[in-house]
Amino acid sequence: MSDLVWLVTGCSSGLGELLVHRILSRGDRVIATARKLESIKHLERAGAATLQLDITNTQASLCDTITKAITIYGKVDVLVNNAGYITQGGWEDLE
């Protein structure tokens, strides 16, 4: 089987960052994304391709970023949608 190409969102820290390192150690290729490109430069130095991606952007912007991602390696085999944030509180108290 050929190397897989992974697209991972939310790679600036935590699970996303750790997953990128694990993917690279397997010998697969990875496109790491984050809202702020400067927050994932270290992943680029480790061997990942990087793109700026904010999942709250417009649909047109998201489509443009995905098109850019596909052109890097010609395909994306695995998508890990890791982007998000934590909000704490009672359901009734959250907006």
C-alpha atoms as a PDB file:
ATOM      1  CA  MET A   1       0.000   0.000   0.000  1.00  0.00           C
ATOM      2  CA  SER A   2       1.284   3.475  -0.824  1.00  0.00           C
ATOM      3  CA  ASP A   3       1.773   6.145   1.802  1.00  0.00           C
ATOM      4  CA  LEU A   4      -1.436   7.692   3.034  1.00  0.00           C
ATOM      5  CA  VAL A   5      -2.027  11.434   2.842  1.00  0.00           C
ATOM      6  CA  TRP A   6      -3.696  12.807   5.964  1.00  0.00           C
ATOM      7  CA  LEU A   7      -5.389  16.187   6.424  1.00  0.00           C
ATOM      8  CA  VAL A   8      -5.579  17.085  10.110  1.00  0.00           C
ATOM      9  CA  THR A   9      -7.330  20.174  11.448  1.00  0.00           C
ATOM     10  CA  GLY A  10      -6.534  21.870  14.751  1.00  0.00           C
ATOM     11  CA  CYS A  11      -2.813  21.030  14.888  1.00  0.00           C
ATOM     12  CA  SER A  12      -1.449  23.916  16.938  1.00  0.00           C
ATOM     13  CA  SER A  13      -1.463  21.867  20.161  1.00  0.00           C
ATOM     14  CA  GLY A  14      -2.800  18.819  21.923  1.00  0.00           C
ATOM     15  CA  LEU A  15      -4.191  15.848  20.042  1.00  0.00           C
ATOM     16  CA  GLY A  16      -3.746  17.384  16.589  1.00  0.00           C
ATOM     17  CA  GLU A  17      -0.080  18.176  17.154  1.00  0.00           C
ATOM     18  CA  LEU A  18       0.638  14.739  18.611  1.00  0.00           C
ATOM     19  CA  LEU A  19      -1.220  13.031  15.783  1.00  0.00           C
ATOM     20  CA  VAL A  20       0.865  14.849  13.153  1.00  0.00           C
ATOM     21  CA  HIS A  21       4.079  13.598  14.762  1.00  0.00           C
ATOM     22  CA  ARG A  22       2.695  10.046  14.909  1.00  0.00           C
ATOM     23  CA  ILE A  23       1.615  10.162  11.239  1.00  0.00           C
ATOM     24  CA  LEU A  24       5.058  11.358  10.178  1.00  0.00           C
ATOM     25  CA  SER A  25       6.721   8.600  12.224  1.00  0.00           C
ATOM     26  CA  ARG A  26       4.655   6.022  10.285  1.00  0.00           C
ATOM     27  CA  GLY A  27       6.110   7.344   7.043  1.00  0.00           C
ATOM     28  CA  ASP A  28       2.799   8.786   5.844  1.00  0.00           C
ATOM     29  CA  ARG A  29       2.392  12.326   4.542  1.00  0.00           C
ATOM     30  CA  VAL A  30       0.351  14.895   6.428  1.00  0.00           C
ATOM     31  CA  ILE A  31      -1.141  18.316   5.820  1.00  0.00           C
ATOM     32  CA  ALA A  32      -1.425  20.045   9.184  1.00  0.00           C
ATOM     33  CA  THR A  33      -3.788  22.987   9.573  1.00  0.00           C
ATOM     34  CA  ALA A  34      -4.467  25.649  12.182  1.00  0.00           C
ATOM     35  CA  ARG A  35      -6.129  29.041  12.428  1.00  0.00           C
ATOM     36  CA  LYS A  36      -2.741  30.723  12.755  1.00  0.00           C
ATOM     37  CA  LEU A  37      -0.092  29.400  10.403  1.00  0.00           C
ATOM     38  CA  GLU A  38       2.739  30.578  12.645  1.00  0.00           C
ATOM     39  CA  SER A  39       1.481  28.237  15.386  1.00  0.00           C
ATOM     40  CA  ILE A  40       2.334  25.163  13.287  1.00  0.00           C
ATOM     41  CA  LYS A  41       5.660  26.186  11.715  1.00  0.00           C
ATOM     42  CA  HIS A  42       7.369  23.625  13.957  1.00  0.00           C
ATOM     43  CA  LEU A  43       5.301  20.898  12.274  1.00  0.00           C
ATOM     44  CA  GLU A  44       6.489  22.093   8.877  1.00  0.00           C
ATOM     45  CA  ARG A  45      10.084  21.795  10.082  1.00  0.00           C
ATOM     46  CA  ALA A  46       9.241  18.241  11.212  1.00  0.00           C
ATOM     47  CA  GLY A  47       8.111  17.335   7.678  1.00  0.00           C
ATOM     48  CA  ALA A  48       4.418  18.190   7.488  1.00  0.00           C
ATOM     49  CA  ALA A  49       2.872  20.395   4.848  1.00  0.00           C
ATOM     50  CA  THR A  50       0.975  23.246   6.519  1.00  0.00           C
ATOM     51  CA  LEU A  51      -2.031  25.367   5.641  1.00  0.00           C
ATOM     52  CA  GLN A  52      -4.010  28.070   7.403  1.00  0.00           C
ATOM     53  CA  LEU A  53      -7.559  26.856   8.003  1.00  0.00           C
ATOM     54  CA  ASP A  54     -10.229  28.391  10.205  1.00  0.00           C
ATOM     55  CA  ILE A  55     -13.333  26.220  10.245  1.00  0.00           C
ATOM     56  CA  THR A  56     -15.458  29.310  10.955  1.00  0.00           C
ATOM     57  CA  ASN A  57     -14.526  30.879   7.585  1.00  0.00           C
ATOM     58  CA  THR A  58     -16.985  31.098   4.701  1.00  0.00           C
ATOM     59  CA  GLN A  59     -17.784  28.006   2.666  1.00  0.00           C
ATOM     60  CA  ALA A  60     -15.972  29.512  -0.329  1.00  0.00           C
ATOM     61  CA  SER A  61     -12.832  30.033   1.747  1.00  0.00           C
ATOM     62  CA  LEU A  62     -12.999  26.485   3.100  1.00  0.00           C
ATOM     63  CA  CYS A  63     -13.397  25.068  -0.413  1.00  0.00           C
ATOM     64  CA  ASP A  64     -10.400  27.098  -1.589  1.00  0.00           C
ATOM     65  CA  THR A  65      -8.255  25.758   1.253  1.00  0.00           C
ATOM     66  CA  ILE A  66      -9.300  22.163   0.540  1.00  0.00           C
ATOM     67  CA  THR A  67      -8.428  22.650  -3.136  1.00  0.00           C
ATOM     68  CA  LYS A  68      -4.981  23.881  -2.047  1.00  0.00           C
ATOM     69  CA  ALA A  69      -4.607  20.852   0.234  1.00  0.00           C
ATOM     70  CA  ILE A  70      -5.407  18.415  -2.562  1.00  0.00           C
ATOM     71  CA  THR A  71      -2.898  20.065  -4.892  1.00  0.00           C
ATOM     72  CA  ILE A  72      -0.047  19.543  -2.399  1.00  0.00           C
ATOM     73  CA  TYR A  73       0.033  15.736  -2.805  1.00  0.00           C
ATOM     74  CA  GLY A  74      -2.676  15.211  -5.429  1.00  0.00           C
ATOM     75  CA  LYS A  75      -5.084  13.593  -2.987  1.00  0.00           C
ATOM     76  CA  VAL A  76      -6.259  13.322   0.605  1.00  0.00           C
ATOM     77  CA  ASP A  77      -6.862   9.802   1.919  1.00  0.00           C
ATOM     78  CA  VAL A  78      -7.732  10.497   5.552  1.00  0.00           C
ATOM     79  CA  LEU A  79      -9.446  13.507   7.143  1.00  0.00           C
ATOM     80  CA  VAL A  80      -9.158  14.076  10.887  1.00  0.00           C
ATOM     81  CA  ASN A  81     -11.479  16.913  11.895  1.00  0.00           C
ATOM     82  CA  ASN A  82      -9.859  17.742  15.197  1.00  0.00           C
ATOM     83  CA  ALA A  83     -10.569  21.494  15.260  1.00  0.00           C
ATOM     84  CA  GLY A  84     -12.787  22.785  18.004  1.00  0.00           C
ATOM     85  CA  TYR A  85     -12.889  24.386  21.403  1.00  0.00           C
ATOM     86  CA  ILE A  86     -14.116  23.584  24.875  1.00  0.00           C
ATOM     87  CA  THR A  87     -16.862  25.464  26.641  1.00  0.00           C
ATOM     88  CA  GLN A  88     -17.592  24.631  30.236  1.00  0.00           C
ATOM     89  CA  GLY A  89     -20.835  25.211  32.031  1.00  0.00           C
ATOM     90  CA  GLY A  90     -24.327  23.952  32.425  1.00  0.00           C
ATOM     91  CA  TRP A  91     -26.214  23.525  29.144  1.00  0.00           C
ATOM     92  CA  GLU A  92     -28.820  26.046  30.245  1.00  0.00           C
ATOM     93  CA  ASP A  93     -26.133  28.663  30.968  1.00  0.00           C
ATOM     94  CA  LEU A  94     -24.258  28.434  27.643  1.00  0.00           C
ATOM     95  CA  GLU A  95     -24.917  30.665  24.658  1.00  0.00           C
END
